[in-house]
């Protein structure tokens, strides 16, 4: 089960985030496209089949026939196209700026019964694949480290999953460590709502709903994309208890993740900048009534 540490409230509005789960470098540069498209056929904006955007909407890629295609984010016009790597049928993750694309051999939903995942990382700046890995189990890449050397992925294990780190140069794979290095990796539960980057794209905060937990039915998984560690801030009701789509998350310019239970007009403010420093001290969370923004 997902481990929880009780949330301790500090006079009315302050709390510490429970530990759940698993330096500011400049943002990745936007890739300069120099290769001409291999096909001039427009890409229909209504065709969402296998079209995947970076979480900050800075780049969009799709698979069209035997091609991996980069699209203009607003119009979906074809910017560039390359031959699709053999066996790679799905785009799983796109880095901010669109330099790196994680492709797998999986279609449809992920399953613990899947015995192996073929992963290819394509470098759009170089115009070629840089990694080919055969991974045991059903693995879903979610994000890249800032330097592109690591992929963070979900390893499906049936009734739970693990957040794992994959070192692309060697294929080494391990459970992503917590900000508190004394904690052992744990099993995770929950359904993704939305992931958002901070302004310089060094932190990814993903909101999850976990309806199986009445005490903490939502949590925010915060991933440090520089150091490769994570933190989970568990949230009590009314977060995660409204109708699907009623929970929202954004990150402010001050590196605060703002989660809103819109139906209950309740807001949680999570100071994610604290994740950048290893510590056993829970991250501060402030609760208030109100709306997003």
C-alpha atoms as a PDB file:
ATOM      1  CA  UNK A   1       0.000   0.000   0.000  1.00  0.00           C
ATOM      2  CA  UNK A   2       0.984   3.585  -0.446  1.00  0.00           C
ATOM      3  CA  UNK A   3       2.673   4.677   2.773  1.00  0.00           C
ATOM      4  CA  UNK A   4       1.313   7.707   4.551  1.00  0.00           C
ATOM      5  CA  UNK A   5       2.587   9.882   7.367  1.00  0.00           C
ATOM      6  CA  UNK A   6      -0.228  11.828   9.102  1.00  0.00           C
ATOM      7  CA  UNK A   7      -0.565  15.456   8.031  1.00  0.00           C
ATOM      8  CA  UNK A   8       0.154  17.746  10.981  1.00  0.00           C
ATOM      9  CA  UNK A   9      -1.780  20.976  10.925  1.00  0.00           C
ATOM     10  CA  UNK A  10      -0.163  24.199  12.067  1.00  0.00           C
ATOM     11  CA  UNK A  11      -2.593  26.953  13.248  1.00  0.00           C
ATOM     12  CA  UNK A  12      -5.554  26.775  10.871  1.00  0.00           C
ATOM     13  CA  UNK A  13      -3.883  26.876   7.470  1.00  0.00           C
ATOM     14  CA  UNK A  14      -0.373  25.419   7.579  1.00  0.00           C
ATOM     15  CA  UNK A  15       0.490  21.750   7.291  1.00  0.00           C
ATOM     16  CA  UNK A  16       3.372  19.513   6.391  1.00  0.00           C
ATOM     17  CA  UNK A  17       3.001  17.270   3.390  1.00  0.00           C
ATOM     18  CA  UNK A  18       3.092  13.595   4.207  1.00  0.00           C
ATOM     19  CA  UNK A  19       5.869  11.582   2.646  1.00  0.00           C
ATOM     20  CA  UNK A  20       4.221   9.236   0.172  1.00  0.00           C
ATOM     21  CA  UNK A  21       5.601   7.198  -2.783  1.00  0.00           C
ATOM     22  CA  UNK A  22       8.298   7.986  -5.883  1.00  0.00           C
ATOM     23  CA  UNK A  23      20.538  24.001  -8.379  1.00  0.00           C
ATOM     24  CA  UNK A  24      18.490  25.505 -11.181  1.00  0.00           C
ATOM     25  CA  UNK A  25      19.915  24.585 -14.538  1.00  0.00           C
ATOM     26  CA  UNK A  26      18.770  26.543 -17.604  1.00  0.00           C
ATOM     27  CA  UNK A  27      15.787  25.100 -19.486  1.00  0.00           C
ATOM     28  CA  UNK A  28      16.485  22.829 -22.439  1.00  0.00           C
ATOM     29  CA  UNK A  29      16.929  24.799 -25.626  1.00  0.00           C
ATOM     30  CA  UNK A  30      14.217  24.600 -28.229  1.00  0.00           C
ATOM     31  CA  UNK A  31      15.279  22.267 -31.003  1.00  0.00           C
ATOM     32  CA  UNK A  32      16.093  23.927 -34.293  1.00  0.00           C
ATOM     33  CA  UNK A  33      14.514  21.943 -37.103  1.00  0.00           C
ATOM     34  CA  UNK A  34      16.752  21.715 -40.130  1.00  0.00           C
ATOM     35  CA  UNK A  35      15.472  18.604 -41.862  1.00  0.00           C
ATOM     36  CA  UNK A  36      12.724  19.052 -44.409  1.00  0.00           C
ATOM     37  CA  UNK A  37       9.596  16.931 -44.035  1.00  0.00           C
ATOM     38  CA  UNK A  38       9.680  13.736 -46.045  1.00  0.00           C
ATOM     39  CA  UNK A  39       6.024  14.283 -46.835  1.00  0.00           C
ATOM     40  CA  UNK A  40       4.232  17.534 -47.593  1.00  0.00           C
ATOM     41  CA  UNK A  41       0.797  16.136 -46.756  1.00  0.00           C
ATOM     42  CA  UNK A  42      -0.827  18.282 -44.027  1.00  0.00           C
ATOM     43  CA  UNK A  43      -1.443  16.572 -40.706  1.00  0.00           C
ATOM     44  CA  UNK A  44      -5.163  16.848 -39.771  1.00  0.00           C
ATOM     45  CA  UNK A  45      -5.648  18.819 -36.553  1.00  0.00           C
ATOM     46  CA  UNK A  46      -8.589  16.587 -35.681  1.00  0.00           C
ATOM     47  CA  UNK A  47      -6.486  13.427 -35.906  1.00  0.00           C
ATOM     48  CA  UNK A  48      -5.342  12.821 -32.336  1.00  0.00           C
ATOM     49  CA  UNK A  49      -4.178   9.262 -32.978  1.00  0.00           C
ATOM     50  CA  UNK A  50      -0.849   8.788 -31.246  1.00  0.00           C
ATOM     51  CA  UNK A  51      -0.246  12.534 -31.094  1.00  0.00           C
ATOM     52  CA  UNK A  52       1.731  13.378 -27.963  1.00  0.00           C
ATOM     53  CA  UNK A  53       2.781  16.792 -26.675  1.00  0.00           C
ATOM     54  CA  UNK A  54       5.425  17.753 -24.158  1.00  0.00           C
ATOM     55  CA  UNK A  55       3.698  18.507 -20.867  1.00  0.00           C
ATOM     56  CA  UNK A  56       4.393  22.224 -21.349  1.00  0.00           C
ATOM     57  CA  UNK A  57       2.949  22.057 -24.903  1.00  0.00           C
ATOM     58  CA  UNK A  58       6.270  23.266 -26.351  1.00  0.00           C
ATOM     59  CA  UNK A  59       6.536  20.387 -28.842  1.00  0.00           C
ATOM     60  CA  UNK A  60       4.223  17.845 -30.462  1.00  0.00           C
ATOM     61  CA  UNK A  61       5.113  14.554 -32.119  1.00  0.00           C
ATOM     62  CA  UNK A  62       3.081  11.853 -33.810  1.00  0.00           C
ATOM     63  CA  UNK A  63       3.530   8.566 -35.619  1.00  0.00           C
ATOM     64  CA  UNK A  64       2.151   8.588 -39.136  1.00  0.00           C
ATOM     65  CA  UNK A  65       2.624   5.365 -41.042  1.00  0.00           C
ATOM     66  CA  UNK A  66       6.346   4.614 -41.101  1.00  0.00           C
ATOM     67  CA  UNK A  67       7.342   8.102 -39.966  1.00  0.00           C
ATOM     68  CA  UNK A  68       7.949   9.886 -36.690  1.00  0.00           C
ATOM     69  CA  UNK A  69       6.603  13.379 -37.326  1.00  0.00           C
ATOM     70  CA  UNK A  70       7.177  16.643 -35.506  1.00  0.00           C
ATOM     71  CA  UNK A  71       4.247  19.055 -35.645  1.00  0.00           C
ATOM     72  CA  UNK A  72       3.826  22.756 -35.044  1.00  0.00           C
ATOM     73  CA  UNK A  73       2.070  22.935 -31.645  1.00  0.00           C
ATOM     74  CA  UNK A  74      -0.688  25.376 -32.688  1.00  0.00           C
ATOM     75  CA  UNK A  75      -1.488  24.409 -36.272  1.00  0.00           C
ATOM     76  CA  UNK A  76      -0.157  20.819 -36.343  1.00  0.00           C
ATOM     77  CA  UNK A  77       1.615  21.554 -39.605  1.00  0.00           C
ATOM     78  CA  UNK A  78       4.436  19.101 -40.284  1.00  0.00           C
ATOM     79  CA  UNK A  79       7.797  20.584 -39.311  1.00  0.00           C
ATOM     80  CA  UNK A  80       9.963  17.539 -39.814  1.00  0.00           C
ATOM     81  CA  UNK A  81       9.737  13.783 -40.283  1.00  0.00           C
ATOM     82  CA  UNK A  82      12.061  10.831 -39.911  1.00  0.00           C
ATOM     83  CA  UNK A  83      11.764   7.095 -40.606  1.00  0.00           C
ATOM     84  CA  UNK A  84      10.090   5.413 -37.646  1.00  0.00           C
ATOM     85  CA  UNK A  85      12.269   3.019 -35.682  1.00  0.00           C
ATOM     86  CA  UNK A  86      11.217  -0.563 -36.356  1.00  0.00           C
ATOM     87  CA  UNK A  87       8.769  -1.899 -33.778  1.00  0.00           C
ATOM     88  CA  UNK A  88       8.189   1.449 -32.103  1.00  0.00           C
ATOM     89  CA  UNK A  89       4.452   2.081 -32.334  1.00  0.00           C
ATOM     90  CA  UNK A  90       3.715   4.492 -29.464  1.00  0.00           C
ATOM     91  CA  UNK A  91       5.079   7.794 -28.207  1.00  0.00           C
ATOM     92  CA  UNK A  92       5.259   7.731 -24.422  1.00  0.00           C
ATOM     93  CA  UNK A  93       7.023  10.972 -23.471  1.00  0.00           C
ATOM     94  CA  UNK A  94       8.352  14.158 -25.077  1.00  0.00           C
ATOM     95  CA  UNK A  95      10.898  16.384 -23.356  1.00  0.00           C
ATOM     96  CA  UNK A  96      10.312  20.145 -23.014  1.00  0.00           C
ATOM     97  CA  UNK A  97      11.502  21.832 -26.176  1.00  0.00           C
ATOM     98  CA  UNK A  98      11.080  18.559 -28.068  1.00  0.00           C
ATOM     99  CA  UNK A  99      14.650  17.341 -28.215  1.00  0.00           C
ATOM    100  CA  UNK A 100      14.033  13.825 -26.864  1.00  0.00           C
ATOM    101  CA  UNK A 101      11.156  11.473 -27.600  1.00  0.00           C
ATOM    102  CA  UNK A 102      10.566   8.154 -25.806  1.00  0.00           C
ATOM    103  CA  UNK A 103       8.948   5.501 -27.986  1.00  0.00           C
ATOM    104  CA  UNK A 104       7.836   1.982 -27.044  1.00  0.00           C
ATOM    105  CA  UNK A 105       6.471  -1.136 -28.698  1.00  0.00           C
ATOM    106  CA  UNK A 106       3.265  -1.028 -26.646  1.00  0.00           C
ATOM    107  CA  UNK A 107      -0.213  -0.095 -27.839  1.00  0.00           C
ATOM    108  CA  UNK A 108      -3.290   0.515 -25.733  1.00  0.00           C
ATOM    109  CA  UNK A 109      -3.332   0.389 -21.954  1.00  0.00           C
ATOM    110  CA  UNK A 110      -0.423  -0.862 -19.903  1.00  0.00           C
ATOM    111  CA  UNK A 111      -0.626  -4.178 -18.068  1.00  0.00           C
ATOM    112  CA  UNK A 112       1.417  -6.059 -15.488  1.00  0.00           C
ATOM    113  CA  UNK A 113       1.058  -9.134 -17.713  1.00  0.00           C
ATOM    114  CA  UNK A 114       3.330  -7.538 -20.288  1.00  0.00           C
ATOM    115  CA  UNK A 115       6.685  -9.270 -19.879  1.00  0.00           C
ATOM    116  CA  UNK A 116       8.919  -6.855 -21.737  1.00  0.00           C
ATOM    117  CA  UNK A 117       9.029  -3.290 -23.020  1.00  0.00           C
ATOM    118  CA  UNK A 118      11.147  -2.174 -25.940  1.00  0.00           C
ATOM    119  CA  UNK A 119      12.207   1.445 -25.449  1.00  0.00           C
ATOM    120  CA  UNK A 120      13.821   3.714 -28.024  1.00  0.00           C
ATOM    121  CA  UNK A 121      14.877   7.296 -27.335  1.00  0.00           C
ATOM    122  CA  UNK A 122      14.981   9.522 -30.413  1.00  0.00           C
ATOM    123  CA  UNK A 123      17.054  12.706 -30.445  1.00  0.00           C
ATOM    124  CA  UNK A 124      15.257  15.171 -32.728  1.00  0.00           C
ATOM    125  CA  UNK A 125      18.253  17.501 -32.753  1.00  0.00           C
ATOM    126  CA  UNK A 126      20.540  14.772 -34.085  1.00  0.00           C
ATOM    127  CA  UNK A 127      17.778  13.211 -36.182  1.00  0.00           C
ATOM    128  CA  UNK A 128      18.539   9.706 -34.941  1.00  0.00           C
ATOM    129  CA  UNK A 129      17.879   7.227 -32.157  1.00  0.00           C
ATOM    130  CA  UNK A 130      20.349   7.363 -29.275  1.00  0.00           C
ATOM    131  CA  UNK A 131      19.137   4.473 -27.089  1.00  0.00           C
ATOM    132  CA  UNK A 132      17.567   1.060 -27.652  1.00  0.00           C
ATOM    133  CA  UNK A 133      16.694  -0.824 -24.461  1.00  0.00           C
ATOM    134  CA  UNK A 134      14.826  -4.055 -23.719  1.00  0.00           C
ATOM    135  CA  UNK A 135      13.219  -3.659 -20.292  1.00  0.00           C
ATOM    136  CA  UNK A 136      11.548  -6.407 -18.294  1.00  0.00           C
ATOM    137  CA  UNK A 137       7.906  -5.837 -17.423  1.00  0.00           C
ATOM    138  CA  UNK A 138       5.466  -3.165 -18.527  1.00  0.00           C
ATOM    139  CA  UNK A 139       7.261   0.173 -18.359  1.00  0.00           C
ATOM    140  CA  UNK A 140       5.816   3.578 -19.271  1.00  0.00           C
ATOM    141  CA  UNK A 141       8.298   6.452 -19.703  1.00  0.00           C
ATOM    142  CA  UNK A 142       6.963   9.658 -18.158  1.00  0.00           C
ATOM    143  CA  UNK A 143       9.742  12.252 -18.258  1.00  0.00           C
ATOM    144  CA  UNK A 144      13.389  12.942 -19.050  1.00  0.00           C
ATOM    145  CA  UNK A 145      16.022  14.394 -16.761  1.00  0.00           C
ATOM    146  CA  UNK A 146      17.170  17.892 -17.675  1.00  0.00           C
ATOM    147  CA  UNK A 147      20.347  16.556 -19.301  1.00  0.00           C
ATOM    148  CA  UNK A 148      18.516  13.758 -21.132  1.00  0.00           C
ATOM    149  CA  UNK A 149      20.620  11.022 -19.559  1.00  0.00           C
ATOM    150  CA  UNK A 150      17.779   9.579 -17.463  1.00  0.00           C
ATOM    151  CA  UNK A 151      14.226   8.518 -18.155  1.00  0.00           C
ATOM    152  CA  UNK A 152      11.716   8.365 -15.309  1.00  0.00           C
ATOM    153  CA  UNK A 153       9.065   5.709 -15.843  1.00  0.00           C
ATOM    154  CA  UNK A 154       6.168   3.866 -14.232  1.00  0.00           C
ATOM    155  CA  UNK A 155       6.672   0.119 -13.794  1.00  0.00           C
ATOM    156  CA  UNK A 156       3.212  -1.509 -13.742  1.00  0.00           C
ATOM    157  CA  UNK A 157       2.947  -4.347 -11.217  1.00  0.00           C
ATOM    158  CA  UNK A 158      -0.745  -5.142 -11.316  1.00  0.00           C
ATOM    159  CA  UNK A 159      -2.469  -3.544  -8.323  1.00  0.00           C
ATOM    160  CA  UNK A 160       0.354  -1.030  -7.891  1.00  0.00           C
ATOM    161  CA  UNK A 161       3.313   0.499  -9.684  1.00  0.00           C
ATOM    162  CA  UNK A 162       6.791   1.794  -8.931  1.00  0.00           C
ATOM    163  CA  UNK A 163       8.381   5.024 -10.102  1.00  0.00           C
ATOM    164  CA  UNK A 164      11.718   4.007 -11.605  1.00  0.00           C
ATOM    165  CA  UNK A 165      14.789   5.668 -13.071  1.00  0.00           C
ATOM    166  CA  UNK A 166      16.441   4.340 -16.239  1.00  0.00           C
ATOM    167  CA  UNK A 167      20.022   5.324 -17.062  1.00  0.00           C
ATOM    168  CA  UNK A 168      19.992   5.421 -20.850  1.00  0.00           C
ATOM    169  CA  UNK A 169      23.717   4.989 -21.453  1.00  0.00           C
ATOM    170  CA  UNK A 170      23.899   1.685 -19.582  1.00  0.00           C
ATOM    171  CA  UNK A 171      20.314   0.443 -19.261  1.00  0.00           C
ATOM    172  CA  UNK A 172      20.674   0.478 -15.473  1.00  0.00           C
ATOM    173  CA  UNK A 173      17.251   0.645 -13.849  1.00  0.00           C
ATOM    174  CA  UNK A 174      16.299   1.281 -10.232  1.00  0.00           C
ATOM    175  CA  UNK A 175      13.504   2.610  -8.043  1.00  0.00           C
ATOM    176  CA  UNK A 176      13.577   6.404  -7.929  1.00  0.00           C
ATOM    177  CA  UNK A 177      14.847   7.547  -4.557  1.00  0.00           C
ATOM    178  CA  UNK A 178      12.983   9.814  -2.200  1.00  0.00           C
ATOM    179  CA  UNK A 179      14.206  13.243  -1.170  1.00  0.00           C
ATOM    180  CA  UNK A 180      14.544  11.642   2.275  1.00  0.00           C
ATOM    181  CA  UNK A 181      17.313   9.109   1.606  1.00  0.00           C
ATOM    182  CA  UNK A 182      16.409   7.064   4.714  1.00  0.00           C
ATOM    183  CA  UNK A 183      13.127   5.933   3.173  1.00  0.00           C
ATOM    184  CA  UNK A 184      12.793   2.716   1.218  1.00  0.00           C
ATOM    185  CA  UNK A 185      11.084   2.794  -2.209  1.00  0.00           C
ATOM    186  CA  UNK A 186       7.389   2.050  -1.971  1.00  0.00           C
ATOM    187  CA  UNK A 187       4.454   0.760  -3.948  1.00  0.00           C
ATOM    188  CA  UNK A 188       2.289   3.428  -5.527  1.00  0.00           C
ATOM    189  CA  UNK A 189      -1.404   3.661  -6.352  1.00  0.00           C
ATOM    190  CA  UNK A 190      -3.450   6.262  -8.133  1.00  0.00           C
ATOM    191  CA  UNK A 191      -4.617   7.648 -11.455  1.00  0.00           C
ATOM    192  CA  UNK A 192      -2.870  10.548 -13.161  1.00  0.00           C
ATOM    193  CA  UNK A 193      -4.792  13.811 -13.421  1.00  0.00           C
ATOM    194  CA  UNK A 194      -2.166  16.153 -14.887  1.00  0.00           C
ATOM    195  CA  UNK A 195       1.548  16.890 -14.780  1.00  0.00           C
ATOM    196  CA  UNK A 196       3.015  20.404 -14.880  1.00  0.00           C
ATOM    197  CA  UNK A 197       6.567  21.804 -15.026  1.00  0.00           C
ATOM    198  CA  UNK A 198       7.945  24.703 -13.078  1.00  0.00           C
ATOM    199  CA  UNK A 199       9.155  27.743 -15.019  1.00  0.00           C
ATOM    200  CA  UNK A 200      12.678  26.479 -15.743  1.00  0.00           C
ATOM    201  CA  UNK A 201      11.529  22.885 -16.371  1.00  0.00           C
ATOM    202  CA  UNK A 202      13.629  21.376 -13.596  1.00  0.00           C
ATOM    203  CA  UNK A 203      10.703  20.076 -11.524  1.00  0.00           C
ATOM    204  CA  UNK A 204       7.680  18.061 -12.635  1.00  0.00           C
ATOM    205  CA  UNK A 205       4.658  17.987 -10.325  1.00  0.00           C
ATOM    206  CA  UNK A 206       1.964  15.433 -11.167  1.00  0.00           C
ATOM    207  CA  UNK A 207      -1.431  15.357  -9.508  1.00  0.00           C
ATOM    208  CA  UNK A 208      -2.949  11.925  -8.844  1.00  0.00           C
ATOM    209  CA  UNK A 209      -6.313  10.787  -7.549  1.00  0.00           C
ATOM    210  CA  UNK A 210      -6.318   7.736  -5.301  1.00  0.00           C
ATOM    211  CA  UNK A 211      -9.965   6.841  -4.628  1.00  0.00           C
ATOM    212  CA  UNK A 212      -8.950   3.756  -2.640  1.00  0.00           C
ATOM    213  CA  UNK A 213      -7.676   5.937   0.205  1.00  0.00           C
ATOM    214  CA  UNK A 214     -10.450   7.684   2.141  1.00  0.00           C
ATOM    215  CA  UNK A 215      -8.047   9.695   4.291  1.00  0.00           C
ATOM    216  CA  UNK A 216      -5.786  10.963   1.528  1.00  0.00           C
ATOM    217  CA  UNK A 217      -7.607  10.494  -1.782  1.00  0.00           C
ATOM    218  CA  UNK A 218      -5.175  12.644  -3.775  1.00  0.00           C
ATOM    219  CA  UNK A 219      -1.441  13.307  -3.849  1.00  0.00           C
ATOM    220  CA  UNK A 220       1.131  15.291  -5.782  1.00  0.00           C
ATOM    221  CA  UNK A 221       4.225  13.433  -6.973  1.00  0.00           C
ATOM    222  CA  UNK A 222       7.078  15.919  -7.274  1.00  0.00           C
ATOM    223  CA  UNK A 223      10.065  14.870  -9.371  1.00  0.00           C
ATOM    224  CA  UNK A 224      13.381  16.725  -9.313  1.00  0.00           C
ATOM    225  CA  UNK A 225      14.595  16.432 -12.918  1.00  0.00           C
ATOM    226  CA  UNK A 226      18.140  17.525 -12.074  1.00  0.00           C
ATOM    227  CA  UNK A 227      19.004  15.308  -9.124  1.00  0.00           C
ATOM    228  CA  UNK A 228      16.622  12.464  -9.945  1.00  0.00           C
ATOM    229  CA  UNK A 229      14.774  12.191  -6.658  1.00  0.00           C
ATOM    230  CA  UNK A 230      11.100  12.570  -5.818  1.00  0.00           C
ATOM    231  CA  UNK A 231       8.623  13.431  -3.089  1.00  0.00           C
ATOM    232  CA  UNK A 232       4.933  12.762  -2.535  1.00  0.00           C
ATOM    233  CA  UNK A 233       2.661  15.290  -0.862  1.00  0.00           C
ATOM    234  CA  UNK A 234      -0.521  13.551   0.272  1.00  0.00           C
ATOM    235  CA  UNK A 235      -3.745  15.565   0.252  1.00  0.00           C
ATOM    236  CA  UNK A 236      -6.832  15.012   2.455  1.00  0.00           C
ATOM    237  CA  UNK A 237     -10.468  15.389   1.351  1.00  0.00           C
ATOM    238  CA  UNK A 238     -12.006  17.263  -0.406  1.00  0.00           C
ATOM    239  CA  UNK A 239      -9.053  16.793  -2.801  1.00  0.00           C
ATOM    240  CA  UNK A 240      -9.633  13.759  -4.980  1.00  0.00           C
ATOM    241  CA  UNK A 241     -13.261  13.342  -3.934  1.00  0.00           C
ATOM    242  CA  UNK A 242     -15.073  15.480  -6.511  1.00  0.00           C
ATOM    243  CA  UNK A 243     -16.214  14.447  -9.948  1.00  0.00           C
ATOM    244  CA  UNK A 244     -13.464  13.579 -12.451  1.00  0.00           C
ATOM    245  CA  UNK A 245     -11.941  16.766 -13.844  1.00  0.00           C
ATOM    246  CA  UNK A 246     -12.726  18.826 -10.762  1.00  0.00           C
ATOM    247  CA  UNK A 247      -9.153  18.692  -9.398  1.00  0.00           C
ATOM    248  CA  UNK A 248      -6.661  21.095 -10.991  1.00  0.00           C
ATOM    249  CA  UNK A 249      -2.945  21.798 -10.620  1.00  0.00           C
ATOM    250  CA  UNK A 250      -0.659  24.643 -11.683  1.00  0.00           C
ATOM    251  CA  UNK A 251       2.810  25.852 -10.666  1.00  0.00           C
ATOM    252  CA  UNK A 252       3.386  29.520  -9.930  1.00  0.00           C
ATOM    253  CA  UNK A 253       6.461  31.535 -10.884  1.00  0.00           C
ATOM    254  CA  UNK A 254       7.518  31.208  -7.232  1.00  0.00           C
ATOM    255  CA  UNK A 255       7.702  27.395  -7.561  1.00  0.00           C
ATOM    256  CA  UNK A 256       4.540  26.726  -5.605  1.00  0.00           C
ATOM    257  CA  UNK A 257       2.272  23.933  -6.798  1.00  0.00           C
ATOM    258  CA  UNK A 258      -1.330  25.077  -6.414  1.00  0.00           C
ATOM    259  CA  UNK A 259      -3.918  22.285  -6.288  1.00  0.00           C
ATOM    260  CA  UNK A 260      -7.599  23.168  -6.337  1.00  0.00           C
ATOM    261  CA  UNK A 261     -10.612  21.045  -5.497  1.00  0.00           C
ATOM    262  CA  UNK A 262     -12.876  23.257  -7.593  1.00  0.00           C
ATOM    263  CA  UNK A 263     -16.227  21.855  -6.422  1.00  0.00           C
ATOM    264  CA  UNK A 264     -15.306  22.485  -2.781  1.00  0.00           C
ATOM    265  CA  UNK A 265     -13.409  25.749  -3.480  1.00  0.00           C
ATOM    266  CA  UNK A 266     -10.456  24.420  -1.495  1.00  0.00           C
ATOM    267  CA  UNK A 267      -6.804  25.096  -2.347  1.00  0.00           C
ATOM    268  CA  UNK A 268      -3.551  23.429  -1.314  1.00  0.00           C
ATOM    269  CA  UNK A 269      -0.258  25.275  -1.878  1.00  0.00           C
ATOM    270  CA  UNK A 270       2.842  23.044  -1.952  1.00  0.00           C
ATOM    271  CA  UNK A 271       6.238  24.687  -1.796  1.00  0.00           C
ATOM    272  CA  UNK A 272       8.051  22.461  -4.271  1.00  0.00           C
ATOM    273  CA  UNK A 273      11.307  24.450  -4.090  1.00  0.00           C
ATOM    274  CA  UNK A 274      11.972  22.528  -0.875  1.00  0.00           C
ATOM    275  CA  UNK A 275      12.268  19.320  -2.892  1.00  0.00           C
ATOM    276  CA  UNK A 276      15.579  20.523  -4.346  1.00  0.00           C
ATOM    277  CA  UNK A 277      17.331  19.939  -1.008  1.00  0.00           C
ATOM    278  CA  UNK A 278      17.606  16.414   0.481  1.00  0.00           C
ATOM    279  CA  UNK A 279      15.938  16.333   3.882  1.00  0.00           C
ATOM    280  CA  UNK A 280      13.751  14.237   6.153  1.00  0.00           C
ATOM    281  CA  UNK A 281      11.675  17.312   7.007  1.00  0.00           C
ATOM    282  CA  UNK A 282       8.220  17.217   5.374  1.00  0.00           C
ATOM    283  CA  UNK A 283       7.486  19.847   2.780  1.00  0.00           C
ATOM    284  CA  UNK A 284       5.216  22.678   3.861  1.00  0.00           C
ATOM    285  CA  UNK A 285       1.645  22.725   2.565  1.00  0.00           C
ATOM    286  CA  UNK A 286      -0.753  25.608   3.086  1.00  0.00           C
ATOM    287  CA  UNK A 287      -4.507  25.060   2.861  1.00  0.00           C
ATOM    288  CA  UNK A 288      -7.104  27.757   2.225  1.00  0.00           C
ATOM    289  CA  UNK A 289     -10.491  28.350   0.734  1.00  0.00           C
ATOM    290  CA  UNK A 290     -10.536  29.797  -2.754  1.00  0.00           C
ATOM    291  CA  UNK A 291      -9.983  29.024  -6.413  1.00  0.00           C
ATOM    292  CA  UNK A 292      -7.037  28.334  -8.688  1.00  0.00           C
ATOM    293  CA  UNK A 293      -5.102  31.537  -9.310  1.00  0.00           C
END
